[in-house]
Amino acid sequence: MWQYIKDNHDQDFQLSFNQIQKIVGLPIDHSFLNYKKELLNYGFKVGKISLKNKTVDFEKLEGKNDTKIR
């Protein structure tokens, strides 16, 4: 999943839960959140997660200081 994001996006973007499931080939659940910190290694971070709209916002990191987990 993270490699897909790194290879296919160069700015902030949003994916639906359905799109994510198609990319990874598995249904996603709350355990997805346990791995979001790994995305920092690929130059992005997980922004807003909307359970109502079933979307996840991904934000491109601009500099080294942005990789700090908040």
N, C-alpha and C. Protein backbone atom coordinates (compact mmCIF):
# COMPACT_ATOMS: atom_id res chain seq x y z
N MET A 1 0.82 -1.19 0.00
CA MET A 1 0.00 0.00 0.00
C MET A 1 0.87 1.25 0.00
N TRP A 2 1.85 1.29 0.91
CA TRP A 2 2.67 2.50 1.02
C TRP A 2 3.51 2.71 -0.24
N GLN A 3 4.02 1.64 -0.80
CA GLN A 3 4.81 1.76 -2.03
C GLN A 3 3.93 2.29 -3.17
N TYR A 4 2.68 1.84 -3.23
CA TYR A 4 1.73 2.34 -4.24
C TYR A 4 1.57 3.86 -4.09
N ILE A 5 1.42 4.32 -2.86
CA ILE A 5 1.25 5.75 -2.62
C ILE A 5 2.48 6.52 -3.07
N LYS A 6 3.65 6.05 -2.68
CA LYS A 6 4.90 6.72 -3.06
C LYS A 6 5.06 6.77 -4.57
N ASP A 7 4.75 5.68 -5.26
CA ASP A 7 4.95 5.59 -6.70
C ASP A 7 3.91 6.34 -7.53
N ASN A 8 2.74 6.59 -6.98
CA ASN A 8 1.65 7.13 -7.78
C ASN A 8 1.15 8.51 -7.40
N HIS A 9 1.74 9.12 -6.38
CA HIS A 9 1.24 10.43 -5.94
C HIS A 9 2.40 11.34 -5.60
N ASP A 10 2.25 12.62 -5.98
CA ASP A 10 3.29 13.59 -5.66
C ASP A 10 2.74 14.79 -4.91
N GLN A 11 1.51 14.66 -4.43
CA GLN A 11 0.89 15.72 -3.64
C GLN A 11 -0.19 15.10 -2.76
N ASP A 12 -0.84 15.92 -1.95
CA ASP A 12 -1.92 15.44 -1.08
C ASP A 12 -3.03 14.83 -1.93
N PHE A 13 -3.69 13.82 -1.39
CA PHE A 13 -4.80 13.18 -2.10
C PHE A 13 -5.66 12.41 -1.12
N GLN A 14 -6.77 11.89 -1.61
CA GLN A 14 -7.71 11.14 -0.79
C GLN A 14 -8.07 9.83 -1.48
N LEU A 15 -8.22 8.77 -0.69
CA LEU A 15 -8.69 7.49 -1.20
C LEU A 15 -9.88 7.04 -0.37
N SER A 16 -10.81 6.39 -1.02
CA SER A 16 -11.94 5.80 -0.29
C SER A 16 -11.51 4.46 0.29
N PHE A 17 -12.24 3.99 1.27
CA PHE A 17 -11.96 2.67 1.83
C PHE A 17 -12.00 1.62 0.72
N ASN A 18 -12.95 1.73 -0.20
CA ASN A 18 -13.06 0.77 -1.31
C ASN A 18 -11.82 0.79 -2.20
N GLN A 19 -11.31 1.98 -2.50
CA GLN A 19 -10.09 2.09 -3.31
C GLN A 19 -8.91 1.43 -2.60
N ILE A 20 -8.80 1.67 -1.30
CA ILE A 20 -7.71 1.07 -0.54
C ILE A 20 -7.82 -0.44 -0.55
N GLN A 21 -9.02 -0.96 -0.39
CA GLN A 21 -9.23 -2.40 -0.41
C GLN A 21 -8.82 -3.00 -1.75
N LYS A 22 -9.10 -2.29 -2.84
CA LYS A 22 -8.71 -2.78 -4.17
C LYS A 22 -7.18 -2.78 -4.32
N ILE A 23 -6.52 -1.76 -3.78
CA ILE A 23 -5.07 -1.67 -3.88
C ILE A 23 -4.39 -2.80 -3.11
N VAL A 24 -4.84 -3.03 -1.88
CA VAL A 24 -4.18 -4.04 -1.04
C VAL A 24 -4.72 -5.44 -1.26
N GLY A 25 -5.90 -5.54 -1.87
CA GLY A 25 -6.47 -6.84 -2.15
C GLY A 25 -7.11 -7.52 -0.95
N LEU A 26 -7.33 -6.74 0.11
CA LEU A 26 -7.93 -7.27 1.34
C LEU A 26 -8.90 -6.24 1.90
N PRO A 27 -9.91 -6.70 2.63
CA PRO A 27 -10.77 -5.74 3.33
C PRO A 27 -9.96 -5.02 4.40
N ILE A 28 -10.20 -3.73 4.59
CA ILE A 28 -9.50 -3.01 5.65
C ILE A 28 -10.41 -2.88 6.86
N ASP A 29 -9.78 -2.76 8.02
CA ASP A 29 -10.51 -2.53 9.25
C ASP A 29 -9.69 -1.59 10.13
N HIS A 30 -10.07 -1.46 11.38
CA HIS A 30 -9.37 -0.52 12.26
C HIS A 30 -7.89 -0.85 12.43
N SER A 31 -7.48 -2.07 12.18
CA SER A 31 -6.06 -2.42 12.32
C SER A 31 -5.19 -1.67 11.31
N PHE A 32 -5.81 -1.18 10.24
CA PHE A 32 -5.11 -0.35 9.25
C PHE A 32 -4.38 0.80 9.95
N LEU A 33 -5.00 1.35 10.99
CA LEU A 33 -4.43 2.50 11.69
C LEU A 33 -3.14 2.15 12.43
N ASN A 34 -2.96 0.89 12.77
CA ASN A 34 -1.74 0.48 13.47
C ASN A 34 -0.50 0.65 12.61
N TYR A 35 -0.66 0.68 11.31
CA TYR A 35 0.47 0.71 10.39
C TYR A 35 0.70 2.07 9.74
N LYS A 36 -0.12 3.05 10.06
CA LYS A 36 -0.02 4.33 9.37
C LYS A 36 1.30 5.04 9.60
N LYS A 37 1.98 4.79 10.72
CA LYS A 37 3.27 5.44 10.98
C LYS A 37 4.32 5.00 9.97
N GLU A 38 4.18 3.81 9.41
CA GLU A 38 5.13 3.32 8.41
C GLU A 38 5.14 4.19 7.16
N LEU A 39 4.04 4.85 6.88
CA LEU A 39 3.91 5.69 5.69
C LEU A 39 4.90 6.85 5.70
N LEU A 40 5.33 7.28 6.89
CA LEU A 40 6.29 8.37 6.99
C LEU A 40 7.57 8.05 6.22
N ASN A 41 7.94 6.77 6.18
CA ASN A 41 9.15 6.35 5.46
C ASN A 41 9.00 6.50 3.95
N TYR A 42 7.80 6.72 3.48
CA TYR A 42 7.53 6.85 2.05
C TYR A 42 7.20 8.28 1.64
N GLY A 43 7.39 9.23 2.57
CA GLY A 43 7.21 10.64 2.25
C GLY A 43 5.80 11.16 2.39
N PHE A 44 4.93 10.42 3.06
CA PHE A 44 3.55 10.84 3.28
C PHE A 44 3.15 10.58 4.72
N LYS A 45 2.05 11.18 5.13
CA LYS A 45 1.44 10.85 6.41
C LYS A 45 -0.07 10.74 6.21
N VAL A 46 -0.69 10.00 7.10
CA VAL A 46 -2.14 9.89 7.07
C VAL A 46 -2.71 11.13 7.73
N GLY A 47 -3.59 11.81 7.02
CA GLY A 47 -4.25 12.99 7.57
C GLY A 47 -5.56 12.59 8.19
N LYS A 48 -6.62 13.18 7.74
CA LYS A 48 -7.95 12.91 8.28
C LYS A 48 -8.47 11.56 7.80
N ILE A 49 -9.07 10.83 8.72
CA ILE A 49 -9.76 9.59 8.39
C ILE A 49 -11.22 9.82 8.71
N SER A 50 -12.08 9.72 7.70
CA SER A 50 -13.50 9.94 7.89
C SER A 50 -14.23 8.60 7.86
N LEU A 51 -14.71 8.18 9.03
CA LEU A 51 -15.49 6.94 9.08
C LEU A 51 -16.86 7.14 8.46
N LYS A 52 -17.38 8.36 8.56
CA LYS A 52 -18.69 8.67 7.98
C LYS A 52 -18.63 8.57 6.46
N ASN A 53 -17.62 9.21 5.84
CA ASN A 53 -17.49 9.21 4.38
C ASN A 53 -16.68 8.04 3.85
N LYS A 54 -16.05 7.31 4.77
CA LYS A 54 -15.21 6.16 4.42
C LYS A 54 -14.08 6.57 3.48
N THR A 55 -13.33 7.60 3.94
CA THR A 55 -12.19 8.10 3.17
C THR A 55 -10.99 8.31 4.08
N VAL A 56 -9.81 8.32 3.46
CA VAL A 56 -8.57 8.61 4.16
C VAL A 56 -7.83 9.67 3.35
N ASP A 57 -7.42 10.75 4.03
CA ASP A 57 -6.62 11.78 3.40
C ASP A 57 -5.14 11.47 3.63
N PHE A 58 -4.35 11.58 2.58
CA PHE A 58 -2.91 11.36 2.66
C PHE A 58 -2.23 12.68 2.33
N GLU A 59 -1.23 13.05 3.14
CA GLU A 59 -0.55 14.33 2.98
C GLU A 59 0.92 14.12 2.66
N LYS A 60 1.38 14.76 1.61
CA LYS A 60 2.78 14.70 1.20
C LYS A 60 3.63 15.48 2.19
N LEU A 61 4.72 14.88 2.66
CA LEU A 61 5.64 15.57 3.55
C LEU A 61 6.58 16.44 2.72
N GLU A 62 6.85 17.64 3.20
CA GLU A 62 7.67 18.58 2.45
C GLU A 62 9.13 18.55 2.86
N GLY A 63 9.38 18.39 4.15
CA GLY A 63 10.77 18.44 4.63
C GLY A 63 11.03 17.40 5.69
N LYS A 64 12.28 17.28 6.07
CA LYS A 64 12.67 16.28 7.07
C LYS A 64 11.97 16.47 8.40
N ASN A 65 11.73 17.71 8.80
CA ASN A 65 11.09 17.96 10.09
C ASN A 65 9.64 17.52 10.12
N ASP A 66 9.04 17.32 8.95
CA ASP A 66 7.65 16.90 8.88
C ASP A 66 7.48 15.45 9.25
N THR A 67 8.56 14.69 9.35
CA THR A 67 8.43 13.27 9.63
C THR A 67 8.23 12.98 11.11
N LYS A 68 8.23 13.99 11.94
CA LYS A 68 7.96 13.78 13.36
C LYS A 68 6.51 13.38 13.54
N ILE A 69 6.29 12.39 14.35
CA ILE A 69 4.93 11.93 14.62
C ILE A 69 4.31 12.87 15.65
N ARG A 70 3.14 13.37 15.32
CA ARG A 70 2.49 14.33 16.21
C ARG A 70 1.48 13.66 17.08
